[in-house]
Amino acid sequence: MPLPVPVVTIGLLVASNVFMTFAWYGHLKFKSAPLLAVIVVSWLIAFFEYLLQVPANRIGHTHFSAAELKTIQEVVTLSVFAIFSVTYLRESLSWNHAVGFAFIALGAFFIFHKWA
């Protein structure tokens, strides 16, 4: 039995965001690496992100609107980034980050709530 479209979509978006977060921010631990090398490696990592992101949106658009897909993407991006920031970069998140993330979650509520 195939997985439901929302599960496949969100799973692909989570996986793609892991790649993209490393492409965009992973090099921050390697400040002495030449910028051109960092750019090339980031593009190579981002290629794998696109291999997951494009199918996620194509599959997801059979169930979600484009606005809903973008909202899911933003929530997933912030969730993956928060974990990455704390575990990989060893940077702490403070109360203002939590408040900002909460406002974004509130925005997602308004996007997905079915208003009568």
Protein backbone atom coordinates (compact mmCIF):
# COMPACT_ATOMS: atom_id res chain seq x y z
CA MET A 1 0.00 0.00 0.00
CA PRO A 2 1.55 3.34 -1.02
CA LEU A 3 2.13 6.05 1.55
CA PRO A 4 -0.32 8.96 1.67
CA VAL A 5 0.66 12.04 -0.38
CA PRO A 6 1.12 14.26 2.72
CA VAL A 7 3.54 11.75 4.27
CA VAL A 8 5.58 11.43 1.06
CA THR A 9 5.59 15.20 0.53
CA ILE A 10 6.66 16.10 4.04
CA GLY A 11 9.22 13.29 4.13
CA LEU A 12 10.82 14.49 0.90
CA LEU A 13 10.76 18.10 2.13
CA VAL A 14 12.49 17.13 5.38
CA ALA A 15 15.17 15.18 3.50
CA SER A 16 15.68 17.98 0.98
CA ASN A 17 15.98 20.53 3.75
CA VAL A 18 18.70 18.55 5.47
CA PHE A 19 20.75 18.74 2.26
CA MET A 20 19.97 22.42 1.70
CA THR A 21 20.80 23.39 5.27
CA PHE A 22 24.20 21.75 4.91
CA ALA A 23 24.67 23.44 1.52
CA TRP A 24 23.84 26.87 2.90
CA TYR A 25 25.29 26.70 6.41
CA GLY A 26 27.55 23.64 6.73
CA HIS A 27 30.58 25.56 5.47
CA LEU A 28 30.42 27.92 8.45
CA LYS A 29 32.48 25.37 10.40
CA PHE A 30 35.20 25.60 7.73
CA LYS A 31 35.97 29.31 7.64
CA SER A 32 39.52 28.73 6.40
CA ALA A 33 38.34 26.86 3.28
CA PRO A 34 38.62 28.89 0.08
CA LEU A 35 35.35 30.57 -0.87
CA LEU A 36 35.31 29.09 -4.38
CA ALA A 37 35.71 25.57 -2.98
CA VAL A 38 32.88 26.20 -0.50
CA ILE A 39 30.64 27.44 -3.32
CA VAL A 40 31.33 24.38 -5.50
CA VAL A 41 30.75 21.94 -2.63
CA SER A 42 27.56 23.79 -1.67
CA TRP A 43 26.25 23.53 -5.24
CA LEU A 44 27.02 19.81 -5.31
CA ILE A 45 25.09 19.32 -2.06
CA ALA A 46 22.24 21.49 -3.35
CA PHE A 47 21.91 19.24 -6.41
CA PHE A 48 20.76 16.42 -4.14
CA GLU A 49 18.37 18.83 -2.43
CA TYR A 50 16.74 19.53 -5.79
CA LEU A 51 16.44 15.80 -6.52
CA LEU A 52 14.15 15.65 -3.47
CA GLN A 53 12.56 19.10 -3.50
CA VAL A 54 11.17 19.04 -7.04
CA PRO A 55 9.40 15.67 -6.63
CA ALA A 56 8.11 16.79 -3.22
CA ASN A 57 6.42 19.80 -4.79
CA ARG A 58 5.21 17.88 -7.84
CA ILE A 59 3.71 15.10 -5.72
CA GLY A 60 2.51 17.48 -3.01
CA HIS A 61 0.66 19.72 -5.44
CA THR A 62 -1.77 16.87 -6.09
CA HIS A 63 -2.97 17.33 -2.49
CA PHE A 64 -1.84 20.80 -1.33
CA SER A 65 -2.10 24.24 -2.87
CA ALA A 66 1.12 26.06 -3.74
CA ALA A 67 0.62 28.34 -0.72
CA GLU A 68 0.23 25.31 1.53
CA LEU A 69 3.36 23.69 0.05
CA LYS A 70 5.35 26.86 0.67
CA THR A 71 4.06 27.02 4.23
CA ILE A 72 5.05 23.41 4.88
CA GLN A 73 8.45 24.18 3.36
CA GLU A 74 9.02 27.14 5.69
CA VAL A 75 7.99 25.23 8.82
CA VAL A 76 10.19 22.28 7.84
CA THR A 77 13.08 24.62 7.00
CA LEU A 78 12.96 26.30 10.39
CA SER A 79 12.63 22.99 12.21
CA VAL A 80 15.58 21.44 10.39
CA PHE A 81 17.62 24.62 10.81
CA ALA A 82 16.92 24.82 14.55
CA ILE A 83 18.16 21.26 15.05
CA PHE A 84 21.15 21.86 12.76
CA SER A 85 22.08 25.11 14.48
CA VAL A 86 22.10 23.53 17.93
CA THR A 87 23.66 20.16 17.07
CA TYR A 88 26.07 20.95 14.22
CA LEU A 89 27.00 24.59 14.68
CA ARG A 90 26.71 24.41 18.49
CA GLU A 91 24.79 27.69 18.56
CA SER A 92 22.07 28.16 21.10
CA LEU A 93 18.57 29.31 20.32
CA SER A 94 17.10 31.92 22.64
CA TRP A 95 13.62 33.00 23.64
CA ASN A 96 13.29 35.45 20.75
CA HIS A 97 13.96 32.64 18.28
CA ALA A 98 11.22 30.59 19.94
CA VAL A 99 8.80 33.53 19.74
CA GLY A 100 9.61 34.09 16.06
CA PHE A 101 9.14 30.40 15.28
CA ALA A 102 5.84 30.45 17.20
CA PHE A 103 4.60 33.33 15.04
CA ILE A 104 5.51 31.37 11.92
CA ALA A 105 3.63 28.35 13.31
CA LEU A 106 0.66 30.65 13.95
CA GLY A 107 0.86 31.76 10.33
CA ALA A 108 0.81 28.10 9.27
CA PHE A 109 -2.33 27.63 11.35
CA PHE A 110 -4.04 30.42 9.44
CA ILE A 111 -2.95 28.95 6.09
CA PHE A 112 -4.23 25.45 6.86
CA HIS A 113 -7.33 26.18 8.93
CA LYS A 114 -10.50 25.60 6.95
CA TRP A 115 -12.53 28.76 7.53
CA ALA A 116 -16.30 28.41 7.21
